[in-house]
């Protein structure tokens, strides 16, 4: 199960980085398209801060989504493991019952 969690984490992290990069590029493109050459330095600084904040917010949102997905996957894997354990125990009990019945039949014939 650890290997599956590791592979899922790598895939989620790769997806997170792609979305983060595309979101940052989009914010930069929009910011540059609305800024003219005559704007003051203060507005340029404000735009830089807005882009940085947007990138931080995007990164936080992606990290939260990845954590939520990992938590949900972990819960599903735990439930599947418990179901397999329960099925194994039931098969063992059924085998014991069959063994007991076979011993009774053999005992009756002798």
C-alpha atoms as a PDB file:
ATOM      1  CA  UNK A   1       0.000   0.000   0.000  1.00  0.00           C
ATOM      2  CA  UNK A   2       2.909   2.353   0.632  1.00  0.00           C
ATOM      3  CA  UNK A   3       4.055   2.037  -2.986  1.00  0.00           C
ATOM      4  CA  UNK A   4       0.566   2.933  -4.260  1.00  0.00           C
ATOM      5  CA  UNK A   5       0.432   5.993  -1.997  1.00  0.00           C
ATOM      6  CA  UNK A   6       3.882   7.054  -3.231  1.00  0.00           C
ATOM      7  CA  UNK A   7       2.891   6.713  -6.904  1.00  0.00           C
ATOM      8  CA  UNK A   8      -0.372   8.580  -6.279  1.00  0.00           C
ATOM      9  CA  UNK A   9       1.525  11.343  -4.486  1.00  0.00           C
ATOM     10  CA  UNK A  10       3.925  11.728  -7.436  1.00  0.00           C
ATOM     11  CA  UNK A  11       1.027  11.925  -9.914  1.00  0.00           C
ATOM     12  CA  UNK A  12      -0.852  14.462  -7.777  1.00  0.00           C
ATOM     13  CA  UNK A  13       2.283  16.549  -7.300  1.00  0.00           C
ATOM     14  CA  UNK A  14       2.968  16.560 -11.070  1.00  0.00           C
ATOM     15  CA  UNK A  15      -0.600  17.610 -11.770  1.00  0.00           C
ATOM     16  CA  UNK A  16      -0.372  20.287  -9.094  1.00  0.00           C
ATOM     17  CA  UNK A  17       2.789  21.734 -10.643  1.00  0.00           C
ATOM     18  CA  UNK A  18       1.244  21.823 -14.130  1.00  0.00           C
ATOM     19  CA  UNK A  19      -1.825  23.660 -12.888  1.00  0.00           C
ATOM     20  CA  UNK A  20       0.275  26.035 -10.820  1.00  0.00           C
ATOM     21  CA  UNK A  21       2.471  26.881 -13.804  1.00  0.00           C
ATOM     22  CA  UNK A  22      -0.490  27.429 -16.130  1.00  0.00           C
ATOM     23  CA  UNK A  23      -2.304  29.569 -13.561  1.00  0.00           C
ATOM     24  CA  UNK A  24       0.782  31.709 -13.024  1.00  0.00           C
ATOM     25  CA  UNK A  25       1.274  32.179 -16.770  1.00  0.00           C
ATOM     26  CA  UNK A  26      -2.375  33.189 -17.142  1.00  0.00           C
ATOM     27  CA  UNK A  27      -2.172  35.730 -14.317  1.00  0.00           C
ATOM     28  CA  UNK A  28       1.054  37.206 -15.731  1.00  0.00           C
ATOM     29  CA  UNK A  29      -0.422  37.432 -19.237  1.00  0.00           C
ATOM     30  CA  UNK A  30      -3.539  39.175 -17.964  1.00  0.00           C
ATOM     31  CA  UNK A  31      -1.487  41.504 -15.810  1.00  0.00           C
ATOM     32  CA  UNK A  32       0.776  42.487 -18.668  1.00  0.00           C
ATOM     33  CA  UNK A  33      -2.087  43.007 -21.101  1.00  0.00           C
ATOM     34  CA  UNK A  34      -3.698  45.638 -18.852  1.00  0.00           C
ATOM     35  CA  UNK A  35      -0.511  47.506 -17.998  1.00  0.00           C
ATOM     36  CA  UNK A  36       0.587  50.302 -20.303  1.00  0.00           C
ATOM     37  CA  UNK A  37       4.046  51.818 -20.596  1.00  0.00           C
ATOM     38  CA  UNK A  38       2.840  55.050 -18.958  1.00  0.00           C
ATOM     39  CA  UNK A  39       1.814  53.423 -15.689  1.00  0.00           C
ATOM     40  CA  UNK A  40       3.692  54.476 -12.591  1.00  0.00           C
ATOM     41  CA  UNK A  41       6.156  52.291 -10.719  1.00  0.00           C
ATOM     42  CA  UNK A  42       3.712  51.953  -7.833  1.00  0.00           C
ATOM     43  CA  UNK A  43       1.114  50.297 -10.038  1.00  0.00           C
ATOM     44  CA  UNK A  44       3.764  47.931 -11.368  1.00  0.00           C
ATOM     45  CA  UNK A  45       4.668  46.979  -7.807  1.00  0.00           C
ATOM     46  CA  UNK A  46       0.997  46.488  -6.964  1.00  0.00           C
ATOM     47  CA  UNK A  47       0.581  44.246 -10.000  1.00  0.00           C
ATOM     48  CA  UNK A  48       3.639  42.231  -8.971  1.00  0.00           C
ATOM     49  CA  UNK A  49       2.192  41.811  -5.493  1.00  0.00           C
ATOM     50  CA  UNK A  50      -1.171  40.769  -6.939  1.00  0.00           C
ATOM     51  CA  UNK A  51       0.513  38.177  -9.153  1.00  0.00           C
ATOM     52  CA  UNK A  52       2.531  36.860  -6.232  1.00  0.00           C
ATOM     53  CA  UNK A  53      -0.590  36.631  -4.056  1.00  0.00           C
ATOM     54  CA  UNK A  54      -2.505  34.877  -6.812  1.00  0.00           C
ATOM     55  CA  UNK A  55       0.315  32.371  -7.260  1.00  0.00           C
ATOM     56  CA  UNK A  56       0.444  31.747  -3.499  1.00  0.00           C
ATOM     57  CA  UNK A  57      -3.330  31.284  -3.337  1.00  0.00           C
ATOM     58  CA  UNK A  58      -3.208  28.893  -6.284  1.00  0.00           C
ATOM     59  CA  UNK A  59      -0.417  26.879  -4.685  1.00  0.00           C
ATOM     60  CA  UNK A  60      -2.297  26.675  -1.382  1.00  0.00           C
ATOM     61  CA  UNK A  61      -5.498  25.576  -3.099  1.00  0.00           C
ATOM     62  CA  UNK A  62      -3.671  22.905  -5.086  1.00  0.00           C
ATOM     63  CA  UNK A  63      -1.920  21.614  -1.967  1.00  0.00           C
ATOM     64  CA  UNK A  64      -5.222  21.399  -0.097  1.00  0.00           C
ATOM     65  CA  UNK A  65      -6.827  19.542  -3.007  1.00  0.00           C
ATOM     66  CA  UNK A  66      -3.921  17.089  -3.155  1.00  0.00           C
ATOM     67  CA  UNK A  67      -4.125  16.483   0.595  1.00  0.00           C
ATOM     68  CA  UNK A  68      -7.884  15.908   0.412  1.00  0.00           C
ATOM     69  CA  UNK A  69      -7.454  13.459  -2.460  1.00  0.00           C
ATOM     70  CA  UNK A  70      -4.735  11.580  -0.586  1.00  0.00           C
ATOM     71  CA  UNK A  71      -6.920  11.373   2.534  1.00  0.00           C
ATOM     72  CA  UNK A  72      -9.888  10.045   0.580  1.00  0.00           C
ATOM     73  CA  UNK A  73      -7.734   7.498  -1.222  1.00  0.00           C
ATOM     74  CA  UNK A  74      -6.186   6.355   2.038  1.00  0.00           C
ATOM     75  CA  UNK A  75      -9.622   5.766   3.572  1.00  0.00           C
ATOM     76  CA  UNK A  76     -10.735   3.729   0.569  1.00  0.00           C
ATOM     77  CA  UNK A  77      -7.597   1.588   0.685  1.00  0.00           C
ATOM     78  CA  UNK A  78      -8.076   0.924   4.384  1.00  0.00           C
ATOM     79  CA  UNK A  79     -11.686  -0.162   3.802  1.00  0.00           C
ATOM     80  CA  UNK A  80     -10.599  -2.464   0.978  1.00  0.00           C
ATOM     81  CA  UNK A  81      -7.933  -4.016   3.209  1.00  0.00           C
ATOM     82  CA  UNK A  82     -10.462  -4.633   5.987  1.00  0.00           C
ATOM     83  CA  UNK A  83     -12.870  -6.210   3.499  1.00  0.00           C
ATOM     84  CA  UNK A  84     -10.129  -8.553   2.282  1.00  0.00           C
ATOM     85  CA  UNK A  85      -9.273  -9.490   5.873  1.00  0.00           C
ATOM     86  CA  UNK A  86     -12.926 -10.198   6.635  1.00  0.00           C
ATOM     87  CA  UNK A  87     -13.276 -12.324   3.499  1.00  0.00           C
ATOM     88  CA  UNK A  88     -10.149 -14.279   4.450  1.00  0.00           C
ATOM     89  CA  UNK A  89     -11.520 -14.948   7.919  1.00  0.00           C
ATOM     90  CA  UNK A  90     -14.846 -16.118   6.487  1.00  0.00           C
ATOM     91  CA  UNK A  91     -13.091 -18.485   4.083  1.00  0.00           C
ATOM     92  CA  UNK A  92     -11.053 -19.916   6.976  1.00  0.00           C
ATOM     93  CA  UNK A  93     -14.223 -20.439   9.016  1.00  0.00           C
ATOM     94  CA  UNK A  94     -15.938 -22.099   6.062  1.00  0.00           C
ATOM     95  CA  UNK A  95     -12.913 -24.380   5.616  1.00  0.00           C
ATOM     96  CA  UNK A  96     -13.082 -25.377   9.273  1.00  0.00           C
ATOM     97  CA  UNK A  97     -16.793 -26.113   8.940  1.00  0.00           C
ATOM     98  CA  UNK A  98     -16.188 -28.275   5.877  1.00  0.00           C
ATOM     99  CA  UNK A  99     -13.350 -30.053   7.671  1.00  0.00           C
ATOM    100  CA  UNK A 100     -15.594 -30.712  10.675  1.00  0.00           C
ATOM    101  CA  UNK A 101     -18.396 -32.000   8.462  1.00  0.00           C
ATOM    102  CA  UNK A 102     -15.987 -34.268   6.604  1.00  0.00           C
ATOM    103  CA  UNK A 103     -14.719 -35.695   9.906  1.00  0.00           C
ATOM    104  CA  UNK A 104     -18.300 -36.378  10.998  1.00  0.00           C
ATOM    105  CA  UNK A 105     -19.048 -38.180   7.753  1.00  0.00           C
ATOM    106  CA  UNK A 106     -15.858 -40.244   7.975  1.00  0.00           C
ATOM    107  CA  UNK A 107     -16.586 -40.972  11.641  1.00  0.00           C
ATOM    108  CA  UNK A 108     -20.140 -42.153  10.783  1.00  0.00           C
ATOM    109  CA  UNK A 109     -18.898 -44.599   8.116  1.00  0.00           C
ATOM    110  CA  UNK A 110     -16.374 -46.298  10.415  1.00  0.00           C
END
